[in-house]
N, C-alpha and C. Protein backbone atom coordinates (compact mmCIF):
# COMPACT_ATOMS: atom_id res chain seq x y z
N MET A 1 71.50 95.64 98.61
CA MET A 1 71.71 94.25 98.27
C MET A 1 73.20 93.92 98.26
N GLU A 2 74.02 94.84 97.68
CA GLU A 2 75.46 94.59 97.63
C GLU A 2 76.07 94.56 99.02
N THR A 3 75.54 95.39 99.93
CA THR A 3 76.06 95.41 101.29
C THR A 3 75.81 94.08 101.99
N THR A 4 74.63 93.54 101.81
CA THR A 4 74.31 92.24 102.41
C THR A 4 75.21 91.14 101.86
N LEU A 5 75.43 91.17 100.55
CA LEU A 5 76.30 90.16 99.94
C LEU A 5 77.75 90.34 100.39
N ALA A 6 78.19 91.58 100.56
CA ALA A 6 79.56 91.82 101.04
C ALA A 6 79.73 91.28 102.46
N ILE A 7 78.72 91.47 103.30
CA ILE A 7 78.78 90.93 104.67
C ILE A 7 78.79 89.41 104.62
N LEU A 8 77.99 88.82 103.74
CA LEU A 8 77.96 87.36 103.59
C LEU A 8 79.32 86.83 103.13
N VAL A 9 79.96 87.55 102.20
CA VAL A 9 81.30 87.14 101.74
C VAL A 9 82.29 87.18 102.91
N GLY A 10 82.20 88.22 103.72
CA GLY A 10 83.10 88.33 104.87
C GLY A 10 82.88 87.20 105.88
N ILE A 11 81.62 86.89 106.15
CA ILE A 11 81.33 85.81 107.11
C ILE A 11 81.81 84.47 106.57
N LEU A 12 81.54 84.19 105.29
CA LEU A 12 81.97 82.92 104.70
C LEU A 12 83.49 82.81 104.67
N THR A 13 84.15 83.92 104.35
CA THR A 13 85.62 83.90 104.32
C THR A 13 86.20 83.67 105.71
N ALA A 14 85.65 84.36 106.70
CA ALA A 14 86.15 84.20 108.08
C ALA A 14 85.93 82.76 108.56
N ALA A 15 84.75 82.22 108.31
CA ALA A 15 84.48 80.85 108.73
C ALA A 15 85.36 79.86 107.97
N GLY A 16 85.60 80.13 106.69
CA GLY A 16 86.46 79.25 105.89
C GLY A 16 87.89 79.26 106.38
N ILE A 17 88.41 80.44 106.70
CA ILE A 17 89.78 80.52 107.22
C ILE A 17 89.87 79.85 108.58
N TYR A 18 88.86 80.05 109.42
CA TYR A 18 88.85 79.38 110.74
C TYR A 18 88.91 77.86 110.57
N LEU A 19 88.11 77.34 109.64
CA LEU A 19 88.10 75.88 109.43
C LEU A 19 89.40 75.39 108.79
N LEU A 20 90.00 76.20 107.92
CA LEU A 20 91.27 75.80 107.31
C LEU A 20 92.39 75.70 108.34
N LEU A 21 92.28 76.44 109.42
CA LEU A 21 93.33 76.42 110.44
C LEU A 21 93.15 75.30 111.45
N ARG A 22 92.11 74.48 111.30
CA ARG A 22 91.89 73.35 112.21
C ARG A 22 92.83 72.20 111.82
N ARG A 23 92.98 71.23 112.70
CA ARG A 23 93.86 70.10 112.45
C ARG A 23 93.17 68.98 111.68
N SER A 24 91.85 68.92 111.74
CA SER A 24 91.11 67.87 111.04
C SER A 24 91.09 68.16 109.54
N MET A 25 91.44 67.16 108.75
CA MET A 25 91.47 67.35 107.30
C MET A 25 90.08 67.56 106.72
N LEU A 26 89.06 66.96 107.33
CA LEU A 26 87.69 67.16 106.85
C LEU A 26 87.23 68.60 107.09
N ARG A 27 87.61 69.17 108.23
CA ARG A 27 87.26 70.57 108.48
C ARG A 27 88.01 71.50 107.52
N MET A 28 89.24 71.13 107.20
CA MET A 28 89.99 71.91 106.20
C MET A 28 89.26 71.90 104.87
N LEU A 29 88.71 70.76 104.51
CA LEU A 29 87.97 70.64 103.26
C LEU A 29 86.71 71.51 103.29
N PHE A 30 86.01 71.49 104.43
CA PHE A 30 84.83 72.35 104.56
C PHE A 30 85.21 73.83 104.48
N GLY A 31 86.35 74.20 105.02
CA GLY A 31 86.84 75.57 104.91
C GLY A 31 87.11 75.95 103.47
N LEU A 32 87.67 75.02 102.71
CA LEU A 32 87.92 75.26 101.29
C LEU A 32 86.61 75.48 100.54
N ILE A 33 85.60 74.71 100.89
CA ILE A 33 84.28 74.86 100.25
C ILE A 33 83.69 76.23 100.56
N LEU A 34 83.78 76.65 101.83
CA LEU A 34 83.23 77.97 102.21
C LEU A 34 83.94 79.10 101.48
N ILE A 35 85.27 79.02 101.39
CA ILE A 35 86.01 80.08 100.70
C ILE A 35 85.68 80.08 99.21
N SER A 36 85.50 78.90 98.62
CA SER A 36 85.13 78.83 97.22
C SER A 36 83.78 79.50 96.98
N ASN A 37 82.82 79.25 97.86
CA ASN A 37 81.51 79.89 97.71
C ASN A 37 81.60 81.39 97.95
N ALA A 38 82.46 81.82 98.87
CA ALA A 38 82.62 83.25 99.13
C ALA A 38 83.18 83.96 97.90
N VAL A 39 84.12 83.33 97.22
CA VAL A 39 84.69 83.92 96.01
C VAL A 39 83.64 84.01 94.91
N ASN A 40 82.81 82.99 94.77
CA ASN A 40 81.74 83.04 93.76
C ASN A 40 80.76 84.18 94.05
N ILE A 41 80.40 84.36 95.30
CA ILE A 41 79.48 85.45 95.64
C ILE A 41 80.15 86.80 95.43
N LEU A 42 81.46 86.87 95.70
CA LEU A 42 82.20 88.11 95.48
C LEU A 42 82.22 88.48 94.00
N ILE A 43 82.43 87.49 93.13
CA ILE A 43 82.43 87.75 91.68
C ILE A 43 81.05 88.21 91.23
N LEU A 44 79.99 87.56 91.75
CA LEU A 44 78.63 87.96 91.40
C LEU A 44 78.35 89.39 91.84
N THR A 45 78.78 89.74 93.03
CA THR A 45 78.56 91.09 93.55
C THR A 45 79.34 92.12 92.73
N ALA A 46 80.58 91.77 92.35
CA ALA A 46 81.40 92.69 91.56
C ALA A 46 80.79 92.95 90.19
N GLY A 47 80.07 91.96 89.64
CA GLY A 47 79.42 92.13 88.34
C GLY A 47 78.18 92.99 88.39
N GLY A 48 77.70 93.28 89.57
CA GLY A 48 76.51 94.12 89.70
C GLY A 48 75.27 93.28 89.86
N VAL A 49 74.56 93.54 90.91
CA VAL A 49 73.32 92.81 91.18
C VAL A 49 72.16 93.72 90.81
N ARG A 50 71.44 93.31 89.80
CA ARG A 50 70.29 94.10 89.34
C ARG A 50 69.05 93.24 89.46
N ARG A 51 68.05 93.73 90.16
CA ARG A 51 66.80 93.02 90.30
C ARG A 51 65.90 93.30 89.11
N GLY A 52 65.47 92.22 88.44
CA GLY A 52 64.52 92.36 87.34
C GLY A 52 65.14 92.75 86.02
N ALA A 53 66.46 92.86 85.93
CA ALA A 53 67.10 93.23 84.67
C ALA A 53 67.83 92.00 84.11
N PRO A 54 67.34 91.44 83.02
CA PRO A 54 68.01 90.26 82.46
C PRO A 54 69.34 90.65 81.81
N PRO A 55 70.30 89.73 81.83
CA PRO A 55 71.59 90.03 81.22
C PRO A 55 71.58 89.76 79.72
N LEU A 56 70.73 90.41 79.00
CA LEU A 56 70.60 90.20 77.56
C LEU A 56 70.66 91.55 76.83
N VAL A 57 71.13 91.49 75.60
CA VAL A 57 71.15 92.68 74.75
C VAL A 57 69.77 92.83 74.12
N GLU A 58 69.20 94.00 74.27
CA GLU A 58 67.86 94.23 73.73
C GLU A 58 67.91 94.27 72.21
N ALA A 59 66.78 94.00 71.57
CA ALA A 59 66.71 94.00 70.11
C ALA A 59 67.05 95.39 69.58
N GLY A 60 67.93 95.43 68.58
CA GLY A 60 68.32 96.70 67.97
C GLY A 60 69.56 97.31 68.59
N ASN A 61 70.00 96.84 69.75
CA ASN A 61 71.21 97.36 70.39
C ASN A 61 72.38 96.42 70.12
N VAL A 62 73.59 96.95 70.21
CA VAL A 62 74.78 96.12 70.03
C VAL A 62 75.49 95.88 71.35
N ALA A 63 75.07 96.56 72.41
CA ALA A 63 75.70 96.41 73.72
C ALA A 63 74.61 96.38 74.78
N LEU A 64 75.02 96.03 75.99
CA LEU A 64 74.07 96.00 77.11
C LEU A 64 73.59 97.40 77.44
N GLY A 65 72.35 97.49 77.87
CA GLY A 65 71.82 98.77 78.30
C GLY A 65 72.40 99.16 79.64
N ALA A 66 72.13 100.36 80.06
CA ALA A 66 72.71 100.88 81.30
C ALA A 66 72.22 100.13 82.53
N GLY A 67 71.00 99.65 82.51
CA GLY A 67 70.44 98.98 83.69
C GLY A 67 70.59 97.48 83.68
N ALA A 68 71.24 96.91 82.67
CA ALA A 68 71.35 95.45 82.55
C ALA A 68 72.53 94.94 83.37
N ALA A 69 72.37 93.73 83.86
CA ALA A 69 73.46 93.08 84.59
C ALA A 69 74.43 92.47 83.59
N ASN A 70 75.70 92.44 83.95
CA ASN A 70 76.74 91.89 83.08
C ASN A 70 76.70 90.36 83.17
N PRO A 71 76.56 89.64 82.04
CA PRO A 71 76.49 88.18 82.09
C PRO A 71 77.84 87.51 82.28
N LEU A 72 78.96 88.22 82.09
CA LEU A 72 80.27 87.60 82.19
C LEU A 72 80.55 87.03 83.58
N PRO A 73 80.27 87.75 84.68
CA PRO A 73 80.50 87.15 86.00
C PRO A 73 79.67 85.89 86.23
N GLN A 74 78.46 85.85 85.70
CA GLN A 74 77.64 84.66 85.87
C GLN A 74 78.25 83.47 85.13
N ALA A 75 78.81 83.69 83.94
CA ALA A 75 79.48 82.62 83.21
C ALA A 75 80.73 82.17 83.96
N LEU A 76 81.48 83.11 84.52
CA LEU A 76 82.67 82.76 85.29
C LEU A 76 82.30 81.95 86.52
N ILE A 77 81.21 82.30 87.16
CA ILE A 77 80.78 81.58 88.37
C ILE A 77 80.38 80.15 88.01
N LEU A 78 79.68 79.98 86.90
CA LEU A 78 79.31 78.62 86.49
C LEU A 78 80.55 77.77 86.24
N THR A 79 81.55 78.36 85.60
CA THR A 79 82.81 77.64 85.38
C THR A 79 83.49 77.34 86.70
N ALA A 80 83.49 78.30 87.61
CA ALA A 80 84.13 78.10 88.91
C ALA A 80 83.42 77.03 89.73
N ILE A 81 82.10 76.94 89.60
CA ILE A 81 81.35 75.91 90.33
C ILE A 81 81.77 74.52 89.84
N VAL A 82 81.88 74.37 88.53
CA VAL A 82 82.26 73.07 87.97
C VAL A 82 83.69 72.70 88.38
N ILE A 83 84.61 73.63 88.24
CA ILE A 83 86.00 73.36 88.62
C ILE A 83 86.10 73.11 90.13
N GLY A 84 85.38 73.90 90.91
CA GLY A 84 85.39 73.72 92.36
C GLY A 84 84.83 72.38 92.78
N PHE A 85 83.80 71.92 92.10
CA PHE A 85 83.24 70.61 92.42
C PHE A 85 84.25 69.51 92.15
N GLY A 86 84.95 69.60 91.03
CA GLY A 86 85.99 68.62 90.72
C GLY A 86 87.11 68.64 91.74
N LEU A 87 87.52 69.83 92.14
CA LEU A 87 88.59 69.96 93.14
C LEU A 87 88.17 69.39 94.48
N ILE A 88 86.95 69.67 94.88
CA ILE A 88 86.46 69.17 96.17
C ILE A 88 86.31 67.65 96.14
N ALA A 89 85.83 67.10 95.04
CA ALA A 89 85.72 65.65 94.94
C ALA A 89 87.10 65.00 95.02
N PHE A 90 88.08 65.58 94.34
CA PHE A 90 89.44 65.05 94.39
C PHE A 90 90.02 65.15 95.80
N ALA A 91 89.82 66.28 96.46
CA ALA A 91 90.33 66.45 97.82
C ALA A 91 89.63 65.50 98.79
N LEU A 92 88.34 65.26 98.59
CA LEU A 92 87.62 64.33 99.46
C LEU A 92 88.17 62.91 99.30
N VAL A 93 88.50 62.53 98.08
CA VAL A 93 89.09 61.20 97.86
C VAL A 93 90.47 61.13 98.53
N LEU A 94 91.26 62.20 98.43
CA LEU A 94 92.57 62.21 99.08
C LEU A 94 92.45 62.10 100.60
N VAL A 95 91.47 62.80 101.18
CA VAL A 95 91.25 62.73 102.62
C VAL A 95 90.84 61.32 103.02
N TYR A 96 89.94 60.72 102.26
CA TYR A 96 89.50 59.36 102.55
C TYR A 96 90.65 58.37 102.44
N ARG A 97 91.46 58.53 101.40
CA ARG A 97 92.60 57.62 101.20
C ARG A 97 93.63 57.78 102.33
N THR A 98 93.85 59.00 102.77
CA THR A 98 94.76 59.26 103.89
C THR A 98 94.21 58.63 105.15
N TYR A 99 92.90 58.72 105.36
CA TYR A 99 92.30 58.13 106.55
C TYR A 99 92.42 56.60 106.54
N THR A 100 92.19 56.01 105.39
CA THR A 100 92.28 54.54 105.33
C THR A 100 93.73 54.07 105.45
N ALA A 101 94.69 54.85 104.94
CA ALA A 101 96.09 54.43 104.99
C ALA A 101 96.71 54.67 106.36
N LEU A 102 96.37 55.81 106.98
CA LEU A 102 97.03 56.19 108.23
C LEU A 102 96.13 56.02 109.45
N GLY A 103 94.83 55.91 109.25
CA GLY A 103 93.92 55.70 110.37
C GLY A 103 93.61 56.93 111.19
N THR A 104 93.84 58.12 110.65
CA THR A 104 93.54 59.34 111.39
C THR A 104 93.14 60.45 110.41
N MET A 105 92.35 61.40 110.93
CA MET A 105 91.97 62.57 110.15
C MET A 105 92.74 63.80 110.62
N ASP A 106 93.55 63.65 111.67
CA ASP A 106 94.35 64.76 112.20
C ASP A 106 95.57 64.98 111.31
N ALA A 107 95.75 66.20 110.82
CA ALA A 107 96.85 66.47 109.90
C ALA A 107 98.21 66.33 110.56
N ASP A 108 98.34 66.74 111.82
CA ASP A 108 99.62 66.64 112.52
C ASP A 108 100.01 65.18 112.76
N ILE A 109 99.06 64.39 113.22
CA ILE A 109 99.34 62.97 113.47
C ILE A 109 99.65 62.26 112.16
N ALA A 110 98.92 62.60 111.10
CA ALA A 110 99.19 61.98 109.79
C ALA A 110 100.59 62.34 109.30
N ALA A 111 101.02 63.58 109.52
CA ALA A 111 102.37 63.98 109.11
C ALA A 111 103.42 63.22 109.90
N GLU A 112 103.17 63.00 111.19
CA GLU A 112 104.11 62.23 112.02
C GLU A 112 104.18 60.78 111.55
N LYS A 113 103.02 60.22 111.23
CA LYS A 113 103.01 58.82 110.76
C LYS A 113 103.69 58.68 109.41
N ARG A 114 103.52 59.65 108.54
CA ARG A 114 104.21 59.61 107.25
C ARG A 114 105.71 59.74 107.44
N GLY A 115 106.13 60.54 108.42
CA GLY A 115 107.55 60.70 108.70
C GLY A 115 108.16 59.41 109.22
N GLU A 116 107.39 58.67 110.03
CA GLU A 116 107.89 57.39 110.55
C GLU A 116 107.98 56.35 109.45
N ALA A 117 107.02 56.40 108.52
CA ALA A 117 107.00 55.40 107.45
C ALA A 117 108.09 55.65 106.42
N ALA A 118 108.51 56.91 106.24
CA ALA A 118 109.53 57.23 105.23
C ALA A 118 110.94 56.96 105.71
């Protein structure tokens, strides 16, 4: 299971970097989303993937059993999803505002237009 998730992280990271290197700001945003999801899956994989083992402390124990999954990565991922959603919404608004102000989604052309305006 971990091997499959590691391959998925690699594919998402490669696709995210490829999209980040494009000139279109919308594709850059999609690349950021892919890398964000790859990091979340990486954290989940690092915490250990256990099938059928709940991340809870059994009655009478003070710590997790040997076969239990660690709940800390899952809590971190939930926090990262919320923060990532806010970041993506903010970036999407910035891309839209840039498009309405400059009339292009190309990052190079937008930089040239900003240089002319300044």
